[in-house]
Amino acid sequence: QVQLVESGGGLVQPGGSLRLSCAASGFTLNKYAVGWFRQAPGKEREGISCISSSDSDGRTYYADTVKGRFTSTRDNAKYTVFLQMNSLKPEDTAVYYCATDWRTNCLPGWYGYEFDYRGQGTQVTVSS
């Protein structure tokens, strides 16, 4: 059974930083693309990042709303994917979750792709 678990969310002031982690059980996260998504109350899901596997092209993609502020990386030794979030804004407040499946590369249109597996999410609140 594949399980994804996110951690690292919390309350942060505008301009602050957080680092989210995505770990998997029952699945070798290193080998496959991992997407990060967020959903705020009353809003649609937003794809914010996708990182291809290290064995493929290893490319990372970002939504325009987070480009230059968020960075997705892998620690293959720990089978974990991270989302470093800097210069956080109140509009970044949402539940963030990671998702994956058996694809190694991020697809065109990754931001709208429905991965087969996703975690429960972690709350990020940006407020003063």
Protein backbone atom coordinates (compact mmCIF):
# COMPACT_ATOMS: atom_id res chain seq x y z
CA GLN A 1 0.00 0.00 0.00
CA VAL A 2 1.40 3.37 -1.03
CA GLN A 3 1.29 6.12 1.56
CA LEU A 4 2.59 9.66 1.27
CA VAL A 5 3.09 11.81 4.34
CA GLU A 6 3.74 15.52 4.31
CA SER A 7 5.23 17.44 7.20
CA GLY A 8 6.68 20.85 7.94
CA GLY A 9 3.62 23.05 7.71
CA GLY A 10 2.73 25.65 10.27
CA LEU A 11 2.11 29.30 10.97
CA VAL A 12 4.62 31.79 9.61
CA GLN A 13 4.71 35.55 9.21
CA PRO A 14 4.71 37.15 5.77
CA GLY A 15 8.19 37.08 4.33
CA GLY A 16 9.08 33.98 6.30
CA SER A 17 10.10 30.52 5.17
CA LEU A 18 9.01 26.93 5.64
CA ARG A 19 10.28 23.64 4.31
CA LEU A 20 7.80 20.91 3.59
CA SER A 21 8.77 17.25 3.37
CA CYS A 22 7.13 14.42 1.49
CA ALA A 23 8.01 10.87 2.47
CA ALA A 24 6.59 7.64 1.11
CA SER A 25 6.07 4.11 2.33
CA GLY A 26 5.41 1.24 0.01
CA PHE A 27 6.85 3.25 -2.86
CA THR A 28 10.36 4.20 -3.96
CA LEU A 29 9.85 7.91 -4.31
CA ASN A 30 13.27 8.43 -5.87
CA LYS A 31 12.27 6.76 -9.12
CA TYR A 32 9.17 8.78 -9.94
CA ALA A 33 7.95 12.28 -10.53
CA VAL A 34 6.48 14.09 -7.52
CA GLY A 35 4.05 16.96 -7.69
CA TRP A 36 3.22 19.52 -5.05
CA PHE A 37 -0.26 20.96 -4.93
CA ARG A 38 -2.17 23.28 -2.66
CA GLN A 39 -5.76 24.08 -2.00
CA ALA A 40 -7.13 27.03 -0.09
CA PRO A 41 -10.68 27.14 1.28
CA GLY A 42 -13.14 27.97 -1.45
CA LYS A 43 -10.51 27.75 -4.16
CA GLU A 44 -9.57 25.16 -6.72
CA ARG A 45 -6.56 22.97 -6.39
CA GLU A 46 -3.39 24.59 -7.69
CA GLY A 47 -0.39 22.69 -8.99
CA ILE A 48 2.69 24.52 -7.76
CA SER A 49 5.64 22.28 -8.54
CA CYS A 50 6.65 19.04 -10.18
CA ILE A 51 10.04 17.36 -9.98
CA SER A 52 10.99 14.55 -12.31
CA SER A 53 12.96 11.59 -11.08
CA SER A 54 16.73 11.76 -10.91
CA ASP A 55 16.91 8.81 -13.29
CA SER A 56 15.04 10.74 -15.97
CA ASP A 57 15.68 14.34 -16.96
CA GLY A 58 15.51 15.52 -13.35
CA ARG A 59 13.79 18.74 -14.34
CA THR A 60 11.67 20.77 -11.98
CA TYR A 61 8.69 22.91 -12.91
CA TYR A 62 6.93 25.67 -11.03
CA ALA A 63 3.73 27.61 -11.26
CA ASP A 64 4.18 31.30 -12.00
CA THR A 65 2.67 32.14 -8.62
CA VAL A 66 5.59 30.53 -6.78
CA LYS A 67 8.45 30.70 -9.27
CA GLY A 68 11.53 32.27 -7.73
CA ARG A 69 10.24 31.74 -4.20
CA PHE A 70 9.69 27.97 -3.94
CA THR A 71 12.21 25.23 -4.68
CA SER A 72 11.58 21.51 -4.88
CA THR A 73 14.48 19.14 -4.27
CA ARG A 74 15.12 15.49 -3.55
CA ASP A 75 17.17 13.72 -0.93
CA ASN A 76 17.45 10.32 -2.53
CA ALA A 77 19.32 8.90 0.44
CA LYS A 78 16.29 9.64 2.57
CA TYR A 79 13.67 8.87 -0.12
CA THR A 80 12.20 12.30 0.55
CA VAL A 81 11.14 15.26 -1.55
CA PHE A 82 11.24 18.77 -0.13
CA LEU A 83 9.52 22.01 -0.95
CA GLN A 84 11.44 25.01 0.30
CA MET A 85 9.15 28.00 0.51
CA ASN A 86 10.64 31.46 0.92
CA SER A 87 9.20 34.95 0.91
CA LEU A 88 5.84 33.59 1.91
CA LYS A 89 2.74 35.69 1.34
CA PRO A 90 -0.71 35.53 2.93
CA GLU A 91 -2.07 34.22 -0.37
CA ASP A 92 0.16 31.16 0.02
CA THR A 93 -2.08 30.02 2.88
CA ALA A 94 -3.47 26.60 1.96
CA VAL A 95 -3.25 22.89 2.59
CA TYR A 96 -0.23 21.59 0.74
CA TYR A 97 0.12 18.02 -0.39
CA CYS A 98 2.45 15.93 -2.48
CA ALA A 99 1.43 13.41 -5.07
CA THR A 100 3.07 10.77 -7.23
CA ASP A 101 2.51 7.71 -9.37
CA TRP A 102 4.41 5.51 -11.80
CA ARG A 103 5.57 8.23 -14.17
CA THR A 104 9.21 9.22 -14.07
CA ASN A 105 8.85 12.58 -15.80
CA CYS A 106 6.54 15.45 -15.14
CA LEU A 107 4.02 15.57 -17.94
CA PRO A 108 3.14 18.65 -19.95
CA GLY A 109 0.20 20.04 -18.05
CA TRP A 110 1.53 18.51 -14.82
CA TYR A 111 -0.26 21.22 -12.82
CA GLY A 112 -3.60 19.73 -13.73
CA TYR A 113 -2.59 16.08 -13.66
CA GLU A 114 -4.28 13.73 -11.24
CA PHE A 115 -1.54 11.61 -9.74
CA ASP A 116 -2.63 8.22 -8.48
CA TYR A 117 -1.30 8.74 -4.96
CA ARG A 118 -1.44 11.78 -2.72
CA GLY A 119 -0.88 12.55 0.93
CA GLN A 120 -3.32 14.02 3.42
CA GLY A 121 -1.65 17.39 3.31
CA THR A 122 -0.14 19.84 5.74
CA GLN A 123 -1.54 23.23 6.62
CA VAL A 124 0.50 26.32 5.81
CA THR A 125 -0.78 29.59 7.24
CA VAL A 126 0.92 32.88 6.43
CA SER A 127 -0.29 35.61 8.71
CA SER A 128 0.98 38.37 10.93
